Structure formats: C-alpha cells, structure tokens
Amino acid sequence: MERYEIKIPVSAKPTDTQIKKIQDCFAEMPIDEVIAGLNFAKNRWAAKDAGVLKVGRKSIINKEIHSVTSEQAQWRLKNWKMMIANYRKLGYSYPTISRIKKHFVDMSKKRSK
C-alpha cells in the first residue's frame, strides 16, 4: 500500500496527543470521510464564532417561550391543537413540544406584572 504525506500549517503547536489522534483518523478513515468531518467542524466553528449556533432542545424551548406573557401563554394553551400543528410544521419533536407546553403552563399560573 502506497503512503502519502500531507504537510499543513497550523496556528498553534499541537500536542503529541493531538498529533496522534489526527494520524489515527487519517489512518483508519477514508480521506473523503475525514474531509466531510473537517467541513462540518469548520461550519460549526464559523457559526459558533458568529454567535448564531443554536443547537439542542434547550435553545428551541428558550426561543419559543422568550418574551411570552402570562396572557399569551394562556391563549396558546387554549389553542394548543393549533400550536401543536405549527410546532410539527417547524419540525419539533413531541418531547420538545411537551416541554414547551410545560413552560406555558407554569407561565400561565404566574400573573403578568
């Protein structure tokens, strides 16, 4: 099997452990998969650096309940079937929707000031 060597300039000196990990990845995985992973990591890093990275259920729930008043929460609970349909159109899972509802129930019990 023919072996090739790649030289890449980096911004910081990698540790021996990091070098070993990179070598293992290139040795075990096909080069196309390594490139796909690097592309994903680059895009994620760019989004994180720009401050727009919003992943996970917690950020979805925070986005939905942010700035909702007690009255708005009560209205959403009264029209819950319509809200479920809208959330499903957005691609939210049922566990996420139920967590949003739980927050609305808590908010509706509190009086808005």
Protein backbone atom coordinates (compact mmCIF):
# COMPACT_ATOMS: atom_id res chain seq x y z
CA MET A 1 0.00 0.00 0.00
CA GLU A 2 1.34 3.35 -1.03
CA ARG A 3 1.58 6.02 1.67
CA TYR A 4 1.36 9.76 1.22
CA GLU A 5 2.30 12.60 3.49
CA ILE A 6 0.45 15.87 3.99
CA LYS A 7 2.06 18.97 5.50
CA ILE A 8 -0.38 21.52 6.92
CA PRO A 9 0.44 24.84 8.58
CA VAL A 10 -1.47 25.30 11.86
CA SER A 11 -1.99 28.35 14.07
CA ALA A 12 -0.81 26.70 17.31
CA LYS A 13 1.63 23.93 18.15
CA PRO A 14 -0.34 20.70 18.51
CA THR A 15 0.39 18.38 21.42
CA ASP A 16 1.69 14.87 20.88
CA THR A 17 -1.76 13.51 21.79
CA GLN A 18 -3.45 15.72 19.20
CA ILE A 19 -0.96 14.67 16.52
CA LYS A 20 -1.56 11.01 17.36
CA LYS A 21 -5.34 11.49 17.15
CA ILE A 22 -5.09 13.16 13.75
CA GLN A 23 -2.80 10.40 12.49
CA ASP A 24 -5.23 7.74 13.73
CA CYS A 25 -8.14 9.42 11.96
CA PHE A 26 -6.28 9.61 8.67
CA ALA A 27 -5.04 6.02 9.02
CA GLU A 28 -8.42 4.46 9.90
CA MET A 29 -10.88 6.52 7.86
CA PRO A 30 -11.22 7.13 4.13
CA ILE A 31 -9.95 10.57 3.13
CA ASP A 32 -13.41 11.64 1.89
CA GLU A 33 -14.91 10.98 5.34
CA VAL A 34 -12.13 12.94 7.04
CA ILE A 35 -12.76 15.88 4.70
CA ALA A 36 -16.52 15.70 5.34
CA GLY A 37 -15.88 15.78 9.09
CA LEU A 38 -13.49 18.70 8.77
CA ASN A 39 -16.03 20.57 6.65
CA PHE A 40 -18.73 20.01 9.30
CA ALA A 41 -16.35 21.13 12.06
CA LYS A 42 -15.38 24.24 10.09
CA ASN A 43 -19.03 25.23 9.53
CA ARG A 44 -19.88 24.62 13.19
CA TRP A 45 -16.87 26.65 14.32
CA ALA A 46 -17.86 29.53 11.99
CA ALA A 47 -21.43 29.52 13.38
CA LYS A 48 -20.14 29.39 16.95
CA ASP A 49 -17.71 32.22 16.23
CA ALA A 50 -20.51 34.33 14.72
CA GLY A 51 -22.72 33.64 17.74
CA VAL A 52 -25.52 32.02 15.75
CA LEU A 53 -25.01 28.43 16.82
CA LYS A 54 -28.30 27.29 18.36
CA VAL A 55 -28.43 23.57 18.83
CA GLY A 56 -30.41 21.29 21.03
CA ARG A 57 -33.79 21.21 22.64
CA LYS A 58 -32.99 23.79 25.30
CA SER A 59 -32.34 26.59 22.81
CA ILE A 60 -35.52 25.70 20.87
CA ILE A 61 -37.60 25.91 24.03
CA ASN A 62 -35.98 29.19 25.07
CA LYS A 63 -36.68 30.62 21.62
CA GLU A 64 -40.37 29.67 21.87
CA ILE A 65 -41.01 30.90 25.43
CA HIS A 66 -38.88 34.06 25.28
CA SER A 67 -40.95 37.23 25.93
CA VAL A 68 -44.27 35.36 26.23
CA THR A 69 -46.59 36.97 28.77
CA SER A 70 -48.94 35.12 31.09
CA GLU A 71 -51.94 36.05 28.89
CA GLN A 72 -50.17 34.85 25.74
CA ALA A 73 -49.29 31.57 27.46
CA GLN A 74 -52.94 31.10 28.45
CA TRP A 75 -54.10 31.78 24.87
CA ARG A 76 -51.58 29.30 23.48
CA LEU A 77 -52.76 26.64 25.93
CA LYS A 78 -56.41 27.26 24.96
CA ASN A 79 -55.44 26.85 21.29
CA TRP A 80 -53.00 24.04 21.91
CA LYS A 81 -54.05 21.82 18.97
CA MET A 82 -53.24 24.65 16.57
CA MET A 83 -49.94 25.25 18.35
CA ILE A 84 -49.01 21.57 18.05
CA ALA A 85 -49.70 21.69 14.31
CA ASN A 86 -47.47 24.76 13.96
CA TYR A 87 -44.68 23.20 16.01
CA ARG A 88 -44.84 19.99 13.96
CA LYS A 89 -44.55 22.07 10.76
CA LEU A 90 -41.39 23.57 12.25
CA GLY A 91 -40.07 20.03 12.76
CA TYR A 92 -40.18 19.94 16.56
CA SER A 93 -40.41 16.53 18.19
CA TYR A 94 -43.23 15.63 20.55
CA PRO A 95 -40.94 15.65 23.62
CA THR A 96 -39.84 19.19 22.73
CA ILE A 97 -43.45 20.29 22.24
CA SER A 98 -44.46 18.81 25.60
CA ARG A 99 -41.61 20.69 27.30
CA ILE A 100 -42.77 23.93 25.67
CA LYS A 101 -46.30 23.23 26.94
CA LYS A 102 -44.96 22.61 30.44
CA HIS A 103 -43.31 26.06 30.41
CA PHE A 104 -46.53 27.66 29.15
CA VAL A 105 -48.49 26.01 31.98
CA ASP A 106 -46.01 27.39 34.51
CA MET A 107 -46.13 30.83 32.89
CA SER A 108 -49.93 30.91 32.76
CA LYS A 109 -50.11 30.33 36.52
CA LYS A 110 -47.98 33.41 37.15
CA ARG A 111 -49.62 36.80 36.90
CA SER A 112 -48.05 39.23 34.48
CA LYS A 113 -46.93 42.46 36.09
